[in-house]
Amino acid sequence: MHSLTKLLEQSQVRGVAIGHFNVSDLVLLKAVVSSALELQVPVMVGVSEGERQFIGTRQISALVHSLREEFDFPIFLNADHTHSLESAVEAVKCGFDAITFDRSALPFEQNISETQQAIEMLKSINPSLLVEGEIGEIGTGSEIHEEGASEPSPLTTPEEAKQYVTATGVDILAPAVGNRHGLVKSMVWGTTKKHLDVGLIARIKSAVGIPLTLHGGSGTDDADLQNAITAGINIVHINTELRVAWRRGLEDGLSQDIYQVVPYKILPFAVESVKRVVHSRLQLFNGRSLGFREKAQVQGVA
């Protein structure tokens, strides 16, 4: 039985991070899981409320659990950016491994209060569930934004982080450290990059002493990501980069033959396009710590 808690502890010791990739269809799921299997590194599959509404909460749980059991591999499922207790309860009852209970849009004290209540309820259903809380403002929407569409937001302070973690008892904290959801148009072409306050990450880690998640990792400078992991980030979320690759791959597949209408002959182009992104990110997050066990047979999801 694979334990996300133990793997997070190991990642901290080894100076690596677990890649968290959002999916909303089977194309993305196949790309994420096959990449993790090929590289032999643990992976987290994330589904936001919108993604769960599309693919189905129970259905994505069944898919991930079947893959984990078939390959005896550490593939974990997270209910990403869950804004209501009702939605969180549904996810935990469907067998999710972790819940990102995101009330960061609320005033700080109300965020604390509602997160406390959520943790009590969710852990009464599954005591081994990991609950992540979020403080700070990192924007919304894993999509393409206009240049300068939002002003820089205040970053999380170590004092706020410590107060929040102590009061709520969250297992994982997602702070605002220069990260933002989505990409601006120049980031799609790689001409600009996001940058993180690595020193702040280290101070927050020292203050709270629990695993840290970096949301909005798409478009972030590679060196910043590596330094952030060294400073204490344990989970890195990537979504928009995968969506861009999904679209490019789909367009490529459609362009091969305008009379081709067979989905399983078109969609592999999208799978391969997304896999290239997932591979590069997993390699970056894990450095030389690839292949934690002998290679599994991966043809079932390739």
Protein backbone atom coordinates (compact mmCIF):
# COMPACT_ATOMS: atom_id res chain seq x y z
CA MET A 1 0.00 0.00 0.00
CA HIS A 2 1.57 3.27 -1.10
CA SER A 3 1.46 6.15 1.39
CA LEU A 4 1.40 9.76 0.21
CA THR A 5 2.47 10.90 3.68
CA LYS A 6 5.60 8.73 3.57
CA LEU A 7 6.44 9.76 0.03
CA LEU A 8 6.21 13.43 1.00
CA GLU A 9 8.59 12.75 3.89
CA GLN A 10 10.97 10.97 1.54
CA SER A 11 10.77 13.77 -1.02
CA GLN A 12 11.86 16.26 1.63
CA VAL A 13 14.87 14.13 2.60
CA ARG A 14 15.86 13.52 -1.04
CA GLY A 15 15.38 17.13 -2.12
CA VAL A 16 12.78 16.33 -4.78
CA ALA A 17 9.13 17.19 -5.35
CA ILE A 18 6.09 15.18 -6.40
CA GLY A 19 4.60 16.36 -9.67
CA HIS A 20 0.88 17.15 -9.55
CA PHE A 21 -0.82 17.27 -12.96
CA ASN A 22 -4.45 18.18 -13.55
CA VAL A 23 -6.57 16.13 -15.93
CA SER A 24 -10.03 16.48 -17.39
CA ASP A 25 -10.11 13.63 -19.88
CA LEU A 26 -8.56 10.24 -20.61
CA VAL A 27 -5.96 11.77 -22.94
CA LEU A 28 -4.41 13.77 -20.11
CA LEU A 29 -4.68 10.91 -17.63
CA LYS A 30 -2.94 8.46 -20.00
CA ALA A 31 -0.15 10.97 -20.62
CA VAL A 32 0.43 11.66 -16.93
CA VAL A 33 0.33 8.06 -15.73
CA SER A 34 2.42 6.60 -18.57
CA SER A 35 5.08 9.29 -18.03
CA ALA A 36 5.31 8.53 -14.32
CA LEU A 37 5.53 4.81 -15.02
CA GLU A 38 8.26 5.24 -17.60
CA LEU A 39 10.32 7.46 -15.31
CA GLN A 40 9.43 5.44 -12.20
CA VAL A 41 8.51 8.40 -10.01
CA PRO A 42 5.40 8.94 -7.88
CA VAL A 43 2.76 11.25 -9.29
CA MET A 44 -0.36 13.10 -8.19
CA VAL A 45 -3.38 13.41 -10.46
CA GLY A 46 -5.41 16.55 -9.74
CA VAL A 47 -8.98 17.38 -10.64
CA SER A 48 -10.52 20.74 -9.78
CA GLU A 49 -14.23 21.18 -9.15
CA GLY A 50 -14.77 22.10 -12.80
CA GLU A 51 -12.71 19.16 -14.01
CA ARG A 52 -14.62 16.81 -11.69
CA GLN A 53 -17.92 18.09 -13.00
CA PHE A 54 -16.80 17.23 -16.53
CA ILE A 55 -15.09 13.87 -16.05
CA GLY A 56 -17.09 12.71 -13.02
CA THR A 57 -15.87 12.51 -9.43
CA ARG A 58 -16.63 8.83 -9.01
CA GLN A 59 -15.41 8.03 -12.51
CA ILE A 60 -11.96 9.62 -12.18
CA SER A 61 -11.52 7.93 -8.82
CA ALA A 62 -12.33 4.54 -10.37
CA LEU A 63 -9.86 5.15 -13.21
CA VAL A 64 -7.00 6.21 -10.94
CA HIS A 65 -7.61 3.39 -8.47
CA SER A 66 -7.67 0.84 -11.28
CA LEU A 67 -4.34 2.09 -12.63
CA ARG A 68 -2.77 2.14 -9.18
CA GLU A 69 -3.88 -1.43 -8.53
CA GLU A 70 -2.93 -2.73 -11.97
CA PHE A 71 0.62 -1.40 -11.83
CA ASP A 72 1.08 -1.39 -8.03
CA PHE A 73 2.34 2.14 -8.44
CA PRO A 74 2.13 5.34 -6.31
CA ILE A 75 -0.48 7.31 -8.26
CA PHE A 76 -2.43 9.60 -5.94
CA LEU A 77 -5.66 11.51 -6.53
CA ASN A 78 -6.24 15.05 -5.27
CA ALA A 79 -9.46 17.07 -5.27
CA ASP A 80 -7.82 20.31 -6.34
CA HIS A 81 -9.20 23.74 -5.38
CA THR A 82 -12.29 22.50 -3.61
CA HIS A 83 -14.32 25.49 -2.46
CA SER A 84 -17.25 23.86 -0.68
CA LEU A 85 -17.50 21.30 2.09
CA GLU A 86 -20.17 19.43 0.13
CA SER A 87 -17.80 18.95 -2.81
CA ALA A 88 -14.96 17.91 -0.49
CA VAL A 89 -17.14 15.31 1.25
CA GLU A 90 -18.15 13.87 -2.11
CA ALA A 91 -14.49 13.50 -3.11
CA VAL A 92 -13.38 11.83 0.10
CA LYS A 93 -16.32 9.41 -0.03
CA CYS A 94 -15.25 8.52 -3.57
CA GLY A 95 -11.79 7.55 -2.33
CA PHE A 96 -9.60 10.57 -3.05
CA ASP A 97 -6.23 10.59 -1.28
CA ALA A 98 -6.05 14.34 -0.69
CA ILE A 99 -8.25 17.42 -0.72
CA THR A 100 -7.13 20.96 -1.45
CA PHE A 101 -9.71 22.84 0.60
CA ASP A 102 -9.36 26.32 -0.80
CA ARG A 103 -11.04 29.15 1.10
CA SER A 104 -8.23 31.60 0.39
CA ALA A 105 -10.66 34.11 -1.15
CA LEU A 106 -12.21 34.63 2.29
CA PRO A 107 -10.87 36.91 5.03
CA PHE A 108 -7.99 35.24 6.87
CA GLU A 109 -9.89 34.39 10.08
CA GLN A 110 -12.87 33.01 8.16
CA ASN A 111 -10.51 30.91 6.04
CA ILE A 112 -9.10 29.46 9.26
CA SER A 113 -12.52 28.78 10.74
CA GLU A 114 -13.97 27.07 7.66
CA THR A 115 -10.81 25.03 7.08
CA GLN A 116 -10.88 23.82 10.70
CA GLN A 117 -14.47 22.67 10.27
CA ALA A 118 -13.68 20.96 6.97
CA ILE A 119 -10.72 19.04 8.40
CA GLU A 120 -12.80 17.78 11.32
CA MET A 121 -15.55 16.56 9.00
CA LEU A 122 -13.30 15.08 6.30
CA LYS A 123 -11.01 13.21 8.67
CA SER A 124 -14.02 11.73 10.45
CA ILE A 125 -14.75 10.01 7.12
CA ASN A 126 -11.15 9.06 6.31
CA PRO A 127 -8.53 9.69 9.02
CA SER A 128 -5.66 9.03 6.59
CA LEU A 129 -6.82 11.72 4.16
CA LEU A 130 -4.38 14.60 3.63
CA VAL A 131 -5.96 18.05 3.67
CA GLU A 132 -4.21 21.01 2.09
CA GLY A 133 -5.08 24.59 2.95
CA GLU A 134 -4.28 27.72 0.99
CA ILE A 135 -3.52 31.29 2.02
CA GLY A 136 -2.67 34.24 -0.16
CA GLU A 137 -3.88 35.22 -3.61
CA ILE A 138 -2.47 33.51 -6.69
CA GLY A 139 -5.17 34.25 -9.25
CA THR A 140 -7.70 31.91 -10.80
CA GLY A 141 -8.06 30.00 -14.03
CA SER A 142 -5.56 27.57 -15.55
CA GLU A 143 -5.86 29.29 -18.92
CA ILE A 144 -4.26 31.95 -21.10
CA HIS A 145 -4.51 35.48 -19.69
CA GLU A 146 -3.83 38.84 -21.27
CA GLU A 147 -0.48 40.48 -20.50
CA GLY A 148 -0.72 42.55 -17.33
CA ALA A 149 -4.25 41.30 -16.67
CA SER A 150 -3.67 41.31 -12.91
CA GLU A 151 -1.65 43.36 -10.47
CA PRO A 152 0.96 41.68 -8.27
CA SER A 153 -0.67 40.30 -5.13
CA PRO A 154 0.66 40.36 -1.58
CA LEU A 155 2.72 37.30 -0.72
CA THR A 156 2.18 35.00 2.23
CA THR A 157 4.26 35.92 5.27
CA PRO A 158 5.91 33.31 7.53
CA GLU A 159 3.89 34.71 10.45
CA GLU A 160 0.59 34.20 8.62
CA ALA A 161 1.65 30.73 7.54
CA LYS A 162 2.53 29.66 11.07
CA GLN A 163 -0.70 31.09 12.51
CA TYR A 164 -2.78 29.36 9.84
CA VAL A 165 -1.10 25.95 10.18
CA THR A 166 -1.22 26.03 13.99
CA ALA A 167 -4.89 27.03 14.07
CA THR A 168 -6.17 24.69 11.36
CA GLY A 169 -3.94 21.63 11.63
CA VAL A 170 -3.67 21.28 7.84
CA ASP A 171 -1.37 18.55 6.58
CA ILE A 172 -0.06 20.59 3.63
CA LEU A 173 0.15 24.33 3.03
CA ALA A 174 -0.11 26.17 -0.30
CA PRO A 175 1.31 29.71 0.11
CA ALA A 176 1.56 32.62 -2.30
CA VAL A 177 5.27 33.04 -3.11
CA GLY A 178 5.23 34.73 -6.50
CA ASN A 179 3.28 31.96 -8.23
CA ARG A 180 0.07 32.54 -10.20
CA HIS A 181 -2.40 30.32 -12.03
CA GLY A 182 -2.42 30.22 -15.80
CA LEU A 183 -0.09 31.75 -18.36
CA VAL A 184 0.06 35.13 -20.04
CA LYS A 185 0.39 34.97 -23.82
CA SER A 186 4.14 35.60 -23.88
CA MET A 187 4.65 32.60 -21.56
CA VAL A 188 2.91 30.32 -24.05
CA TRP A 189 5.82 30.96 -26.44
CA GLY A 190 8.45 30.87 -23.70
CA THR A 191 9.53 34.49 -24.09
CA THR A 192 8.74 35.33 -20.46
CA LYS A 193 8.77 33.28 -17.28
CA LYS A 194 7.31 33.44 -13.79
CA HIS A 195 9.72 33.96 -10.91
CA LEU A 196 9.42 32.88 -7.29
CA ASP A 197 10.57 34.33 -3.98
CA VAL A 198 12.75 31.40 -2.99
CA GLY A 199 13.95 33.04 0.21
CA LEU A 200 10.34 33.46 1.33
CA ILE A 201 9.67 29.78 0.64
CA ALA A 202 12.58 28.83 2.91
CA ARG A 203 11.32 31.11 5.70
CA ILE A 204 7.78 29.74 5.45
CA LYS A 205 9.11 26.18 5.52
CA SER A 206 11.11 26.95 8.63
CA ALA A 207 8.06 28.53 10.27
CA VAL A 208 5.55 25.74 9.59
CA GLY A 209 7.60 22.55 9.22
CA ILE A 210 5.01 20.75 7.05
CA PRO A 211 4.90 19.91 3.32
CA LEU A 212 4.45 22.88 0.99
CA THR A 213 2.66 22.95 -2.37
CA LEU A 214 3.39 25.30 -5.24
CA HIS A 215 0.26 26.01 -7.23
CA GLY A 216 0.41 27.66 -10.64
CA GLY A 217 3.74 26.12 -11.59
CA SER A 218 3.17 26.41 -15.35
CA GLY A 219 5.48 28.89 -17.04
CA THR A 220 7.87 29.15 -14.09
CA ASP A 221 11.60 29.50 -14.67
CA ASP A 222 13.26 26.08 -14.34
CA ALA A 223 16.00 27.32 -12.02
CA ASP A 224 13.38 28.93 -9.77
CA LEU A 225 11.50 25.63 -9.57
CA GLN A 226 14.65 23.72 -8.68
CA ASN A 227 15.59 26.29 -6.04
CA ALA A 228 12.04 26.30 -4.67
CA ILE A 229 12.20 22.54 -4.21
CA THR A 230 15.52 22.89 -2.40
CA ALA A 231 13.95 25.58 -0.20
CA GLY A 232 11.08 23.32 0.86
CA ILE A 233 8.45 22.86 -1.86
CA ASN A 234 7.26 19.23 -1.89
CA ILE A 235 4.47 19.25 -4.51
CA VAL A 236 4.42 21.26 -7.76
CA HIS A 237 1.18 21.78 -9.68
CA ILE A 238 1.20 21.92 -13.48
CA ASN A 239 -2.02 22.40 -15.44
CA THR A 240 -1.99 25.13 -18.09
CA GLU A 241 1.16 23.78 -19.76
CA LEU A 242 -0.63 20.46 -20.21
CA ARG A 243 -3.70 22.17 -21.67
CA VAL A 244 -1.55 24.02 -24.20
CA ALA A 245 0.15 20.74 -25.17
CA TRP A 246 -3.23 18.98 -25.38
CA ARG A 247 -4.53 21.57 -27.84
CA ARG A 248 -1.37 21.57 -29.95
CA GLY A 249 -1.35 17.79 -30.11
CA LEU A 250 -5.01 17.64 -31.03
CA GLU A 251 -4.53 20.19 -33.78
CA ASP A 252 -1.59 18.16 -35.07
CA GLY A 253 -3.66 14.98 -35.10
CA LEU A 254 -6.55 16.65 -36.89
CA SER A 255 -4.26 18.14 -39.51
CA GLN A 256 -2.80 14.77 -40.56
CA ASP A 257 -5.84 13.77 -42.60
CA ILE A 258 -8.98 15.90 -42.91
CA TYR A 259 -11.00 12.75 -43.60
CA GLN A 260 -9.78 10.90 -40.50
CA VAL A 261 -12.63 10.63 -37.99
CA VAL A 262 -11.46 7.75 -35.77
CA PRO A 263 -10.77 9.20 -32.29
CA TYR A 264 -8.20 6.57 -31.30
CA LYS A 265 -6.17 7.44 -34.39
CA ILE A 266 -6.29 11.20 -33.79
CA LEU A 267 -5.99 11.46 -30.00
CA PRO A 268 -2.59 9.71 -29.64
CA PHE A 269 -1.04 12.89 -31.06
CA ALA A 270 -2.46 14.77 -28.07
CA VAL A 271 -1.28 12.06 -25.67
CA GLU A 272 2.29 12.28 -26.97
CA SER A 273 2.26 16.08 -26.91
CA VAL A 274 1.19 16.13 -23.25
CA LYS A 275 3.64 13.36 -22.36
CA ARG A 276 6.56 15.47 -23.54
CA VAL A 277 5.59 18.19 -21.05
CA VAL A 278 4.96 15.76 -18.19
CA HIS A 279 8.28 13.99 -18.84
CA SER A 280 10.25 17.22 -18.77
CA ARG A 281 8.56 18.41 -15.59
CA LEU A 282 8.94 15.12 -13.74
CA GLN A 283 12.62 15.02 -14.68
CA LEU A 284 13.07 18.58 -13.42
CA PHE A 285 11.25 17.92 -10.13
CA ASN A 286 13.11 14.69 -9.43
CA GLY A 287 16.61 15.52 -10.65
CA ARG A 288 18.70 12.38 -10.56
CA SER A 289 16.27 10.57 -8.26
CA LEU A 290 14.46 8.79 -11.08
CA GLY A 291 13.49 5.13 -11.02
CA PHE A 292 12.67 4.31 -7.41
CA ARG A 293 12.05 0.67 -8.36
CA GLU A 294 12.54 -1.60 -11.35
CA LYS A 295 10.71 -0.57 -14.50
CA ALA A 296 7.04 -1.56 -14.66
CA GLN A 297 5.37 -2.83 -17.78
CA VAL A 298 3.66 0.26 -19.20
CA GLN A 299 2.05 -0.90 -22.41
CA GLY A 300 -1.39 -0.90 -20.76
CA VAL A 301 -1.49 2.90 -20.58
CA ALA A 302 0.90 3.87 -23.36
